[in-house]
Amino acid sequence: DNRVTGVDEDLPVVRRVVGERADLSRWSLGDLRCVPLAPR
């Protein structure tokens, strides 16, 4: 039983590949220094 979330930089080549990943329940691209991640 799992839930997989993806994060990465917002680059064109990254956006294309991430959009094809079926294992991700959700994903977010952007500045990883301030990506929204809930503690623990």
Full PDB file with SEQRES, HELIX, SHEET, SSBOND, CRYST1, ORIGX, SCALE, CONECT and MASTER records, all heavy atoms in Angstrom:
SEQRES   1 A   40  ASP ASN ARG VAL THR GLY VAL ASP GLU ASP LEU PRO VAL          
SEQRES   2 A   40  VAL ARG ARG VAL VAL GLY GLU ARG ALA ASP LEU SER ARG          
SEQRES   3 A   40  TRP SER LEU GLY ASP LEU ARG CYS VAL PRO LEU ALA PRO          
SEQRES   4 A   40  ARG                                                          
HELIX    1 AA1 PRO A   12  VAL A   18  1                                   7    
SHEET    1 AA1 2 THR A   5  ASP A   8  0                                        
SHEET    2 AA1 2 ARG A  26  LEU A  29  1                                        
CRYST1    1.000    1.000    1.000  90.00  90.00  90.00 P 1           1          
ORIGX1      1.000000  0.000000  0.000000        0.00000                         
ORIGX2      0.000000  1.000000  0.000000        0.00000                         
ORIGX3      0.000000  0.000000  1.000000        0.00000                         
SCALE1      1.000000  0.000000  0.000000        0.00000                         
SCALE2      0.000000  1.000000  0.000000        0.00000                         
SCALE3      0.000000  0.000000  1.000000        0.00000                         
ATOM      1  N   ASP A   1       0.858  -1.181   0.000  1.00  0.00           N  
ATOM      2  CA  ASP A   1       0.000   0.000   0.000  1.00  0.00           C  
ATOM      3  C   ASP A   1       0.898   1.234   0.000  1.00  0.00           C  
ATOM      4  O   ASP A   1       1.661   1.447   0.942  1.00  0.00           O  
ATOM      5  CB  ASP A   1      -0.910  -0.015   1.232  1.00  0.00           C  
ATOM      6  CG  ASP A   1      -1.873   1.159   1.253  1.00  0.00           C  
ATOM      7  OD1 ASP A   1      -2.059   1.800   0.198  1.00  0.00           O  
ATOM      8  OD2 ASP A   1      -2.414   1.450   2.340  1.00  0.00           O  
ATOM      9  N   ASN A   2       0.834   2.037  -1.056  1.00  0.00           N  
ATOM     10  CA  ASN A   2       1.785   3.129  -1.179  1.00  0.00           C  
ATOM     11  C   ASN A   2       1.169   4.344  -1.865  1.00  0.00           C  
ATOM     12  O   ASN A   2       0.154   4.253  -2.551  1.00  0.00           O  
ATOM     13  CB  ASN A   2       3.022   2.675  -1.957  1.00  0.00           C  
ATOM     14  CG  ASN A   2       2.719   2.413  -3.429  1.00  0.00           C  
ATOM     15  OD1 ASN A   2       2.785   3.299  -4.268  1.00  0.00           O  
ATOM     16  ND2 ASN A   2       2.359   1.167  -3.747  1.00  0.00           N  
ATOM     17  N   ARG A   3       1.840   5.463  -1.651  1.00  0.00           N  
ATOM     18  CA  ARG A   3       1.529   6.698  -2.382  1.00  0.00           C  
ATOM     19  C   ARG A   3       2.864   7.353  -2.736  1.00  0.00           C  
ATOM     20  O   ARG A   3       3.693   7.598  -1.865  1.00  0.00           O  
ATOM     21  CB  ARG A   3       0.675   7.658  -1.546  1.00  0.00           C  
ATOM     22  CG  ARG A   3       0.339   8.961  -2.296  1.00  0.00           C  
ATOM     23  CD  ARG A   3      -0.557   9.867  -1.468  1.00  0.00           C  
ATOM     24  NE  ARG A   3       0.111  10.274  -0.234  1.00  0.00           N  
ATOM     25  CZ  ARG A   3      -0.502  10.945   0.749  1.00  0.00           C  
ATOM     26  NH1 ARG A   3      -1.789  11.239   0.638  1.00  0.00           N  
ATOM     27  NH2 ARG A   3       0.162  11.296   1.831  1.00  0.00           N  
ATOM     28  N   VAL A   4       3.064   7.615  -4.029  1.00  0.00           N  
ATOM     29  CA  VAL A   4       4.336   8.137  -4.513  1.00  0.00           C  
ATOM     30  C   VAL A   4       4.148   9.552  -5.040  1.00  0.00           C  
ATOM     31  O   VAL A   4       3.301   9.799  -5.906  1.00  0.00           O  
ATOM     32  CB  VAL A   4       4.920   7.242  -5.625  1.00  0.00           C  
ATOM     33  CG1 VAL A   4       6.284   7.770  -6.074  1.00  0.00           C  
ATOM     34  CG2 VAL A   4       5.050   5.790  -5.145  1.00  0.00           C  
ATOM     35  N   THR A   5       4.934  10.491  -4.519  1.00  0.00           N  
ATOM     36  CA  THR A   5       4.912  11.887  -4.936  1.00  0.00           C  
ATOM     37  C   THR A   5       6.256  12.230  -5.561  1.00  0.00           C  
ATOM     38  O   THR A   5       7.299  11.811  -5.077  1.00  0.00           O  
ATOM     39  CB  THR A   5       4.659  12.815  -3.732  1.00  0.00           C  
ATOM     40  OG1 THR A   5       3.420  12.454  -3.118  1.00  0.00           O  
ATOM     41  CG2 THR A   5       4.597  14.279  -4.172  1.00  0.00           C  
ATOM     42  N   GLY A   6       6.233  12.974  -6.657  1.00  0.00           N  
ATOM     43  CA  GLY A   6       7.466  13.357  -7.331  1.00  0.00           C  
ATOM     44  C   GLY A   6       7.713  14.852  -7.259  1.00  0.00           C  
ATOM     45  O   GLY A   6       6.774  15.651  -7.305  1.00  0.00           O  
ATOM     46  N   VAL A   7       8.982  15.249  -7.126  1.00  0.00           N  
ATOM     47  CA  VAL A   7       9.386  16.655  -7.195  1.00  0.00           C  
ATOM     48  C   VAL A   7      10.658  16.745  -8.036  1.00  0.00           C  
ATOM     49  O   VAL A   7      11.478  15.830  -8.041  1.00  0.00           O  
ATOM     50  CB  VAL A   7       9.642  17.268  -5.798  1.00  0.00           C  
ATOM     51  CG1 VAL A   7       8.365  17.341  -4.988  1.00  0.00           C  
ATOM     52  CG2 VAL A   7      10.715  16.508  -5.041  1.00  0.00           C  
ATOM     53  N   ASP A   8      10.778  17.851  -8.747  1.00  0.00           N  
ATOM     54  CA  ASP A   8      11.967  18.064  -9.568  1.00  0.00           C  
ATOM     55  C   ASP A   8      11.991  19.514 -10.004  1.00  0.00           C  
ATOM     56  O   ASP A   8      11.044  20.271  -9.740  1.00  0.00           O  
ATOM     57  CB  ASP A   8      11.981  17.137 -10.786  1.00  0.00           C  
ATOM     58  CG  ASP A   8      13.393  16.787 -11.244  1.00  0.00           C  
ATOM     59  OD1 ASP A   8      14.284  17.664 -11.149  1.00  0.00           O  
ATOM     60  OD2 ASP A   8      13.610  15.645 -11.696  1.00  0.00           O  
ATOM     61  N   GLU A   9      13.083  19.891 -10.672  1.00  0.00           N  
ATOM     62  CA  GLU A   9      13.175  21.231 -11.225  1.00  0.00           C  
ATOM     63  C   GLU A   9      12.236  21.364 -12.409  1.00  0.00           C  
ATOM     64  O   GLU A   9      11.932  20.385 -13.102  1.00  0.00           O  
ATOM     65  CB  GLU A   9      14.606  21.535 -11.653  1.00  0.00           C  
ATOM     66  CG  GLU A   9      15.558  21.779 -10.513  1.00  0.00           C  
ATOM     67  CD  GLU A   9      16.816  22.457 -10.984  1.00  0.00           C  
ATOM     68  OE1 GLU A   9      17.505  21.901 -11.846  1.00  0.00           O  
ATOM     69  OE2 GLU A   9      17.101  23.565 -10.483  1.00  0.00           O  
ATOM     70  N   ASP A  10      11.808  22.588 -12.687  1.00  0.00           N  
ATOM     71  CA  ASP A  10      10.887  22.827 -13.795  1.00  0.00           C  
ATOM     72  C   ASP A  10      11.689  23.141 -15.056  1.00  0.00           C  
ATOM     73  O   ASP A  10      11.902  24.298 -15.412  1.00  0.00           O  
ATOM     74  CB  ASP A  10       9.927  23.975 -13.459  1.00  0.00           C  
ATOM     75  CG  ASP A  10       8.775  24.058 -14.458  1.00  0.00           C  
ATOM     76  OD1 ASP A  10       8.712  23.205 -15.355  1.00  0.00           O  
ATOM     77  OD2 ASP A  10       7.950  24.976 -14.324  1.00  0.00           O  
ATOM     78  N   LEU A  11      12.147  22.078 -15.722  1.00  0.00           N  
ATOM     79  CA  LEU A  11      12.858  22.189 -16.985  1.00  0.00           C  
ATOM     80  C   LEU A  11      12.048  21.461 -18.061  1.00  0.00           C  
ATOM     81  O   LEU A  11      11.366  20.474 -17.756  1.00  0.00           O  
ATOM     82  CB  LEU A  11      14.253  21.572 -16.882  1.00  0.00           C  
ATOM     83  CG  LEU A  11      15.195  22.184 -15.837  1.00  0.00           C  
ATOM     84  CD1 LEU A  11      16.468  21.359 -15.740  1.00  0.00           C  
ATOM     85  CD2 LEU A  11      15.504  23.635 -16.174  1.00  0.00           C  
ATOM     86  N   PRO A  12      12.100  21.915 -19.320  1.00  0.00           N  
ATOM     87  CA  PRO A  12      11.295  21.269 -20.371  1.00  0.00           C  
ATOM     88  C   PRO A  12      11.511  19.762 -20.467  1.00  0.00           C  
ATOM     89  O   PRO A  12      10.546  18.997 -20.554  1.00  0.00           O  
ATOM     90  CB  PRO A  12      11.760  21.989 -21.639  1.00  0.00           C  
ATOM     91  CG  PRO A  12      12.199  23.330 -21.172  1.00  0.00           C  
ATOM     92  CD  PRO A  12      12.816  23.104 -19.822  1.00  0.00           C  
ATOM     93  N   VAL A  13      12.765  19.313 -20.446  1.00  0.00           N  
ATOM     94  CA  VAL A  13      13.031  17.887 -20.575  1.00  0.00           C  
ATOM     95  C   VAL A  13      12.515  17.124 -19.367  1.00  0.00           C  
ATOM     96  O   VAL A  13      12.034  15.994 -19.485  1.00  0.00           O  
ATOM     97  CB  VAL A  13      14.540  17.639 -20.778  1.00  0.00           C  
ATOM     98  CG1 VAL A  13      15.348  18.097 -19.568  1.00  0.00           C  
ATOM     99  CG2 VAL A  13      14.806  16.182 -21.093  1.00  0.00           C  
ATOM    100  N   VAL A  14      12.559  17.741 -18.188  1.00  0.00           N  
ATOM    101  CA  VAL A  14      12.041  17.104 -16.975  1.00  0.00           C  
ATOM    102  C   VAL A  14      10.529  17.002 -17.034  1.00  0.00           C  
ATOM    103  O   VAL A  14       9.945  15.957 -16.731  1.00  0.00           O  
ATOM    104  CB  VAL A  14      12.486  17.880 -15.722  1.00  0.00           C  
ATOM    105  CG1 VAL A  14      11.772  17.364 -14.482  1.00  0.00           C  
ATOM    106  CG2 VAL A  14      14.005  17.791 -15.556  1.00  0.00           C  
ATOM    107  N   ARG A  15       9.873  18.096 -17.447  1.00  0.00           N  
ATOM    108  CA  ARG A  15       8.406  18.099 -17.518  1.00  0.00           C  
ATOM    109  C   ARG A  15       7.894  17.018 -18.463  1.00  0.00           C  
ATOM    110  O   ARG A  15       6.908  16.332 -18.175  1.00  0.00           O  
ATOM    111  CB  ARG A  15       7.913  19.481 -17.964  1.00  0.00           C  
ATOM    112  CG  ARG A  15       6.404  19.611 -18.026  1.00  0.00           C  
ATOM    113  CD  ARG A  15       5.984  21.056 -18.243  1.00  0.00           C  
ATOM    114  NE  ARG A  15       6.246  21.859 -17.060  1.00  0.00           N  
ATOM    115  CZ  ARG A  15       5.425  21.914 -16.020  1.00  0.00           C  
ATOM    116  NH1 ARG A  15       4.292  21.199 -16.022  1.00  0.00           N  
ATOM    117  NH2 ARG A  15       5.709  22.665 -14.983  1.00  0.00           N  
ATOM    118  N   ARG A  16       8.584  16.824 -19.582  1.00  0.00           N  
ATOM    119  CA  ARG A  16       8.151  15.806 -20.546  1.00  0.00           C  
ATOM    120  C   ARG A  16       8.233  14.413 -19.948  1.00  0.00           C  
ATOM    121  O   ARG A  16       7.302  13.615 -20.078  1.00  0.00           O  
ATOM    122  CB  ARG A  16       9.026  15.887 -21.798  1.00  0.00           C  
ATOM    123  CG  ARG A  16       8.748  14.776 -22.816  1.00  0.00           C  
ATOM    124  CD  ARG A  16       9.617  14.927 -24.052  1.00  0.00           C  
ATOM    125  NE  ARG A  16      11.029  14.890 -23.734  1.00  0.00           N  
ATOM    126  CZ  ARG A  16      11.710  13.761 -23.524  1.00  0.00           C  
ATOM    127  NH1 ARG A  16      11.085  12.593 -23.565  1.00  0.00           N  
ATOM    128  NH2 ARG A  16      12.999  13.789 -23.262  1.00  0.00           N  
ATOM    129  N   VAL A  17       9.328  14.100 -19.292  1.00  0.00           N  
ATOM    130  CA  VAL A  17       9.531  12.760 -18.746  1.00  0.00           C  
ATOM    131  C   VAL A  17       8.600  12.490 -17.572  1.00  0.00           C  
ATOM    132  O   VAL A  17       7.998  11.421 -17.471  1.00  0.00           O  
ATOM    133  CB  VAL A  17      11.003  12.581 -18.319  1.00  0.00           C  
ATOM    134  CG1 VAL A  17      11.196  11.259 -17.603  1.00  0.00           C  
ATOM    135  CG2 VAL A  17      11.909  12.662 -19.537  1.00  0.00           C  
ATOM    136  N   VAL A  18       8.459  13.470 -16.673  1.00  0.00           N  
ATOM    137  CA  VAL A  18       7.626  13.286 -15.491  1.00  0.00           C  
ATOM    138  C   VAL A  18       6.169  13.062 -15.880  1.00  0.00           C  
ATOM    139  O   VAL A  18       5.459  12.251 -15.268  1.00  0.00           O  
ATOM    140  CB  VAL A  18       7.761  14.492 -14.541  1.00  0.00           C  
ATOM    141  CG1 VAL A  18       6.748  14.416 -13.413  1.00  0.00           C  
ATOM    142  CG2 VAL A  18       9.174  14.558 -13.979  1.00  0.00           C  
ATOM    143  N   GLY A  19       5.716  13.750 -16.903  1.00  0.00           N  
ATOM    144  CA  GLY A  19       4.338  13.588 -17.340  1.00  0.00           C  
ATOM    145  C   GLY A  19       4.012  12.192 -17.836  1.00  0.00           C  
ATOM    146  O   GLY A  19       2.837  11.808 -17.916  1.00  0.00           O  
ATOM    147  N   GLU A  20       5.052  11.400 -18.147  1.00  0.00           N  
ATOM    148  CA  GLU A  20       4.851  10.047 -18.646  1.00  0.00           C  
ATOM    149  C   GLU A  20       4.960   8.986 -17.557  1.00  0.00           C  
ATOM    150  O   GLU A  20       4.787   7.796 -17.826  1.00  0.00           O  
ATOM    151  CB  GLU A  20       5.882   9.758 -19.745  1.00  0.00           C  
ATOM    152  CG  GLU A  20       5.744  10.672 -20.964  1.00  0.00           C  
ATOM    153  CD  GLU A  20       6.882  10.482 -21.954  1.00  0.00           C  
ATOM    154  OE1 GLU A  20       7.832   9.715 -21.635  1.00  0.00           O  
ATOM    155  OE2 GLU A  20       6.829  11.086 -23.042  1.00  0.00           O  
ATOM    156  N   ARG A  21       5.276   9.386 -16.329  1.00  0.00           N  
ATOM    157  CA  ARG A  21       5.434   8.415 -15.238  1.00  0.00           C  
ATOM    158  C   ARG A  21       4.083   8.057 -14.632  1.00  0.00           C  
ATOM    159  O   ARG A  21       3.433   8.869 -13.984  1.00  0.00           O  
ATOM    160  CB  ARG A  21       6.372   8.963 -14.156  1.00  0.00           C  
ATOM    161  CG  ARG A  21       7.819   8.976 -14.572  1.00  0.00           C  
ATOM    162  CD  ARG A  21       8.741   9.200 -13.409  1.00  0.00           C  
ATOM    163  NE  ARG A  21       8.626   8.194 -12.361  1.00  0.00           N  
ATOM    164  CZ  ARG A  21       9.581   7.932 -11.464  1.00  0.00           C  
ATOM    165  NH1 ARG A  21      10.710   8.623 -11.494  1.00  0.00           N  
ATOM    166  NH2 ARG A  21       9.415   7.019 -10.535  1.00  0.00           N  
ATOM    167  N   ALA A  22       3.692   6.810 -14.820  1.00  0.00           N  
ATOM    168  CA  ALA A  22       2.385   6.361 -14.340  1.00  0.00           C  
ATOM    169  C   ALA A  22       2.400   6.020 -12.857  1.00  0.00           C  
ATOM    170  O   ALA A  22       1.337   5.888 -12.241  1.00  0.00           O  
ATOM    171  CB  ALA A  22       1.933   5.143 -15.144  1.00  0.00           C  
ATOM    172  N   ASP A  23       3.598   5.877 -12.267  1.00  0.00           N  
ATOM    173  CA  ASP A  23       3.672   5.456 -10.863  1.00  0.00           C  
ATOM    174  C   ASP A  23       3.473   6.604  -9.895  1.00  0.00           C  
ATOM    175  O   ASP A  23       3.285   6.370  -8.699  1.00  0.00           O  
ATOM    176  CB  ASP A  23       5.018   4.787 -10.586  1.00  0.00           C  
ATOM    177  CG  ASP A  23       6.190   5.747 -10.799  1.00  0.00           C  
ATOM    178  OD1 ASP A  23       6.245   6.361 -11.879  1.00  0.00           O  
ATOM    179  OD2 ASP A  23       7.039   5.864  -9.882  1.00  0.00           O  
ATOM    180  N   LEU A  24       3.503   7.847 -10.384  1.00  0.00           N  
ATOM    181  CA  LEU A  24       3.385   8.999  -9.492  1.00  0.00           C  
ATOM    182  C   LEU A  24       1.918   9.346  -9.229  1.00  0.00           C  
ATOM    183  O   LEU A  24       1.147   9.567 -10.164  1.00  0.00           O  
ATOM    184  CB  LEU A  24       4.094  10.212 -10.089  1.00  0.00           C  
ATOM    185  CG  LEU A  24       5.606  10.066 -10.345  1.00  0.00           C  
ATOM    186  CD1 LEU A  24       6.157  11.352 -10.959  1.00  0.00           C  
ATOM    187  CD2 LEU A  24       6.351   9.723  -9.060  1.00  0.00           C  
ATOM    188  N   SER A  25       1.547   9.410  -7.954  1.00  0.00           N  
ATOM    189  CA  SER A  25       0.192   9.842  -7.612  1.00  0.00           C  
ATOM    190  C   SER A  25       0.022  11.333  -7.878  1.00  0.00           C  
ATOM    191  O   SER A  25      -1.047  11.789  -8.271  1.00  0.00           O  
ATOM    192  CB  SER A  25      -0.092   9.539  -6.131  1.00  0.00           C  
ATOM    193  OG  SER A  25       0.036   8.165  -5.853  1.00  0.00           O  
ATOM    194  N   ARG A  26       1.095  12.079  -7.665  1.00  0.00           N  
ATOM    195  CA  ARG A  26       1.103  13.512  -7.924  1.00  0.00           C  
ATOM    196  C   ARG A  26       2.551  13.960  -8.035  1.00  0.00           C  
ATOM    197  O   ARG A  26       3.455  13.270  -7.586  1.00  0.00           O  
ATOM    198  CB  ARG A  26       0.394  14.276  -6.800  1.00  0.00           C  
ATOM    199  CG  ARG A  26       0.934  13.977  -5.412  1.00  0.00           C  
ATOM    200  CD  ARG A  26       0.115  14.628  -4.326  1.00  0.00           C  
ATOM    201  NE  ARG A  26       0.631  14.275  -3.004  1.00  0.00           N  
ATOM    202  CZ  ARG A  26       0.126  14.718  -1.874  1.00  0.00           C  
ATOM    203  NH1 ARG A  26      -0.904  15.546  -1.894  1.00  0.00           N  
ATOM    204  NH2 ARG A  26       0.647  14.353  -0.708  1.00  0.00           N  
ATOM    205  N   TRP A  27       2.760  15.111  -8.652  1.00  0.00           N  
ATOM    206  CA  TRP A  27       4.116  15.621  -8.774  1.00  0.00           C  
ATOM    207  C   TRP A  27       4.096  17.133  -8.846  1.00  0.00           C  
ATOM    208  O   TRP A  27       3.084  17.753  -9.183  1.00  0.00           O  
ATOM    209  CB  TRP A  27       4.828  15.032  -9.993  1.00  0.00           C  
ATOM    210  CG  TRP A  27       4.052  15.015 -11.278  1.00  0.00           C  
ATOM    211  CD1 TRP A  27       3.208  14.046 -11.716  1.00  0.00           C  
ATOM    212  CD2 TRP A  27       4.057  16.017 -12.296  1.00  0.00           C  
ATOM    213  NE1 TRP A  27       2.676  14.369 -12.933  1.00  0.00           N  
ATOM    214  CE2 TRP A  27       3.189  15.579 -13.322  1.00  0.00           C  
ATOM    215  CE3 TRP A  27       4.711  17.240 -12.447  1.00  0.00           C  
ATOM    216  CZ2 TRP A  27       2.957  16.316 -14.470  1.00  0.00           C  
ATOM    217  CZ3 TRP A  27       4.475  17.978 -13.604  1.00  0.00           C  
ATOM    218  CH2 TRP A  27       3.617  17.511 -14.588  1.00  0.00           C  
ATOM    219  N   SER A  28       5.249  17.718  -8.486  1.00  0.00           N  
ATOM    220  CA  SER A  28       5.380  19.170  -8.452  1.00  0.00           C  
ATOM    221  C   SER A  28       6.757  19.545  -8.982  1.00  0.00           C  
ATOM    222  O   SER A  28       7.765  18.947  -8.597  1.00  0.00           O  
ATOM    223  CB  SER A  28       5.208  19.678  -7.016  1.00  0.00           C  
ATOM    224  OG  SER A  28       5.455  21.074  -6.926  1.00  0.00           O  
ATOM    225  N   LEU A  29       6.803  20.534  -9.871  1.00  0.00           N  
ATOM    226  CA  LEU A  29       8.053  21.011 -10.440  1.00  0.00           C  
ATOM    227  C   LEU A  29       8.247  22.476 -10.075  1.00  0.00           C  
ATOM    228  O   LEU A  29       7.295  23.253 -10.061  1.00  0.00           O  
ATOM    229  CB  LEU A  29       8.049  20.854 -11.969  1.00  0.00           C  
ATOM    230  CG  LEU A  29       7.820  19.448 -12.522  1.00  0.00           C  
ATOM    231  CD1 LEU A  29       7.879  19.461 -14.045  1.00  0.00           C  
ATOM    232  CD2 LEU A  29       8.828  18.460 -11.964  1.00  0.00           C  
ATOM    233  N   GLY A  30       9.488  22.848  -9.781  1.00  0.00           N  
ATOM    234  CA  GLY A  30       9.757  24.243  -9.436  1.00  0.00           C  
ATOM    235  C   GLY A  30      11.059  24.380  -8.682  1.00  0.00           C  
ATOM    236  O   GLY A  30      11.925  23.498  -8.729  1.00  0.00           O  
ATOM    237  N   ASP A  31      11.196  25.481  -7.956  1.00  0.00           N  
ATOM    238  CA  ASP A  31      12.372  25.752  -7.155  1.00  0.00           C  
ATOM    239  C   ASP A  31      12.369  24.819  -5.945  1.00  0.00           C  
ATOM    240  O   ASP A  31      11.518  24.932  -5.063  1.00  0.00           O  
ATOM    241  CB  ASP A  31      12.371  27.212  -6.699  1.00  0.00           C  
ATOM    242  CG  ASP A  31      13.661  27.620  -6.003  1.00  0.00           C  
ATOM    243  OD1 ASP A  31      14.407  26.728  -5.551  1.00  0.00           O  
ATOM    244  OD2 ASP A  31      13.919  28.835  -5.905  1.00  0.00           O  
ATOM    245  N   LEU A  32      13.324  23.895  -5.896  1.00  0.00           N  
ATOM    246  CA  LEU A  32      13.320  22.883  -4.851  1.00  0.00           C  
ATOM    247  C   LEU A  32      13.689  23.431  -3.480  1.00  0.00           C  
ATOM    248  O   LEU A  32      13.538  22.742  -2.471  1.00  0.00           O  
ATOM    249  CB  LEU A  32      14.273  21.747  -5.234  1.00  0.00           C  
ATOM    250  CG  LEU A  32      13.873  20.984  -6.498  1.00  0.00           C  
ATOM    251  CD1 LEU A  32      14.882  19.885  -6.797  1.00  0.00           C  
ATOM    252  CD2 LEU A  32      12.475  20.393  -6.371  1.00  0.00           C  
ATOM    253  N   ARG A  33      14.166  24.672  -3.431  1.00  0.00           N  
ATOM    254  CA  ARG A  33      14.467  25.270  -2.129  1.00  0.00           C  
ATOM    255  C   ARG A  33      13.193  25.661  -1.383  1.00  0.00           C  
ATOM    256  O   ARG A  33      13.217  25.859  -0.169  1.00  0.00           O  
ATOM    257  CB  ARG A  33      15.350  26.505  -2.305  1.00  0.00           C  
ATOM    258  CG  ARG A  33      16.760  26.194  -2.784  1.00  0.00           C  
ATOM    259  CD  ARG A  33      17.525  27.458  -3.095  1.00  0.00           C  
ATOM    260  NE  ARG A  33      16.918  28.204  -4.190  1.00  0.00           N  
ATOM    261  CZ  ARG A  33      17.339  29.393  -4.610  1.00  0.00           C  
ATOM    262  NH1 ARG A  33      18.363  29.982  -4.008  1.00  0.00           N  
ATOM    263  NH2 ARG A  33      16.745  29.997  -5.626  1.00  0.00           N  
ATOM    264  N   CYS A  34      12.102  25.763  -2.097  1.00  0.00           N  
ATOM    265  CA  CYS A  34      10.848  26.167  -1.445  1.00  0.00           C  
ATOM    266  C   CYS A  34       9.667  25.302  -1.895  1.00  0.00           C  
ATOM    267  O   CYS A  34       8.519  25.739  -1.806  1.00  0.00           O  
ATOM    268  CB  CYS A  34      10.563  27.649  -1.709  1.00  0.00           C  
ATOM    269  SG  CYS A  34      10.554  28.124  -3.449  1.00  0.00           S  
ATOM    270  N   VAL A  35       9.941  24.107  -2.400  1.00  0.00           N  
ATOM    271  CA  VAL A  35       8.857  23.222  -2.811  1.00  0.00           C  
ATOM    272  C   VAL A  35       7.987  22.891  -1.603  1.00  0.00           C  
ATOM    273  O   VAL A  35       8.498  22.655  -0.501  1.00  0.00           O  
ATOM    274  CB  VAL A  35       9.427  21.941  -3.454  1.00  0.00           C  
ATOM    275  CG1 VAL A  35      10.256  21.147  -2.454  1.00  0.00           C  
ATOM    276  CG2 VAL A  35       8.317  21.080  -4.032  1.00  0.00           C  
ATOM    277  N   PRO A  36       6.663  22.911  -1.736  1.00  0.00           N  
ATOM    278  CA  PRO A  36       5.784  22.640  -0.587  1.00  0.00           C  
ATOM    279  C   PRO A  36       5.823  21.173  -0.174  1.00  0.00           C  
ATOM    280  O   PRO A  36       5.361  20.296  -0.888  1.00  0.00           O  
ATOM    281  CB  PRO A  36       4.396  23.035  -1.112  1.00  0.00           C  
ATOM    282  CG  PRO A  36       4.498  22.902  -2.603  1.00  0.00           C  
ATOM    283  CD  PRO A  36       5.906  23.255  -2.959  1.00  0.00           C  
ATOM    284  N   LEU A  37       6.398  20.911   1.001  1.00  0.00           N  
ATOM    285  CA  LEU A  37       6.478  19.560   1.539  1.00  0.00           C  
ATOM    286  C   LEU A  37       6.073  19.597   3.008  1.00  0.00           C  
ATOM    287  O   LEU A  37       6.648  20.338   3.798  1.00  0.00           O  
ATOM    288  CB  LEU A  37       7.905  19.010   1.416  1.00  0.00           C  
ATOM    289  CG  LEU A  37       8.467  18.805   0.003  1.00  0.00           C  
ATOM    290  CD1 LEU A  37       9.944  18.459   0.076  1.00  0.00           C  
ATOM    291  CD2 LEU A  37       7.693  17.719  -0.728  1.00  0.00           C  
ATOM    292  N   ALA A  38       5.091  18.789   3.359  1.00  0.00           N  
ATOM    293  CA  ALA A  38       4.644  18.747   4.752  1.00  0.00           C  
ATOM    294  C   ALA A  38       5.713  18.090   5.623  1.00  0.00           C  
ATOM    295  O   ALA A  38       6.290  17.065   5.233  1.00  0.00           O  
ATOM    296  CB  ALA A  38       3.337  17.969   4.856  1.00  0.00           C  
ATOM    297  N   PRO A  39       6.013  18.657   6.798  1.00  0.00           N  
ATOM    298  CA  PRO A  39       7.014  18.055   7.681  1.00  0.00           C  
ATOM    299  C   PRO A  39       6.620  16.638   8.088  1.00  0.00           C  
ATOM    300  O   PRO A  39       5.454  16.343   8.341  1.00  0.00           O  
ATOM    301  CB  PRO A  39       7.027  18.999   8.890  1.00  0.00           C  
ATOM    302  CG  PRO A  39       6.484  20.299   8.374  1.00  0.00           C  
ATOM    303  CD  PRO A  39       5.478  19.915   7.335  1.00  0.00           C  
ATOM    304  N   ARG A  40       7.601  15.751   8.130  1.00  0.00           N  
ATOM    305  CA  ARG A  40       7.415  14.369   8.576  1.00  0.00           C  
ATOM    306  C   ARG A  40       6.233  13.701   7.884  1.00  0.00           C  
ATOM    307  O   ARG A  40       5.369  13.098   8.527  1.00  0.00           O  
ATOM    308  CB  ARG A  40       7.237  14.324  10.093  1.00  0.00           C  
ATOM    309  CG  ARG A  40       8.433  14.882  10.858  1.00  0.00           C  
ATOM    310  CD  ARG A  40       8.328  14.627  12.345  1.00  0.00           C  
ATOM    311  NE  ARG A  40       9.525  15.093  13.053  1.00  0.00           N  
ATOM    312  CZ  ARG A  40       9.823  14.781  14.302  1.00  0.00           C  
ATOM    313  NH1 ARG A  40       8.993  14.012  14.996  1.00  0.00           N  
ATOM    314  NH2 ARG A  40      10.920  15.236  14.871  1.00  0.00           N  
TER     315      ARG A  40                                                      
MASTER        0    0    0    1    2    0    0    6  314    1    0    4          
END                                                                             
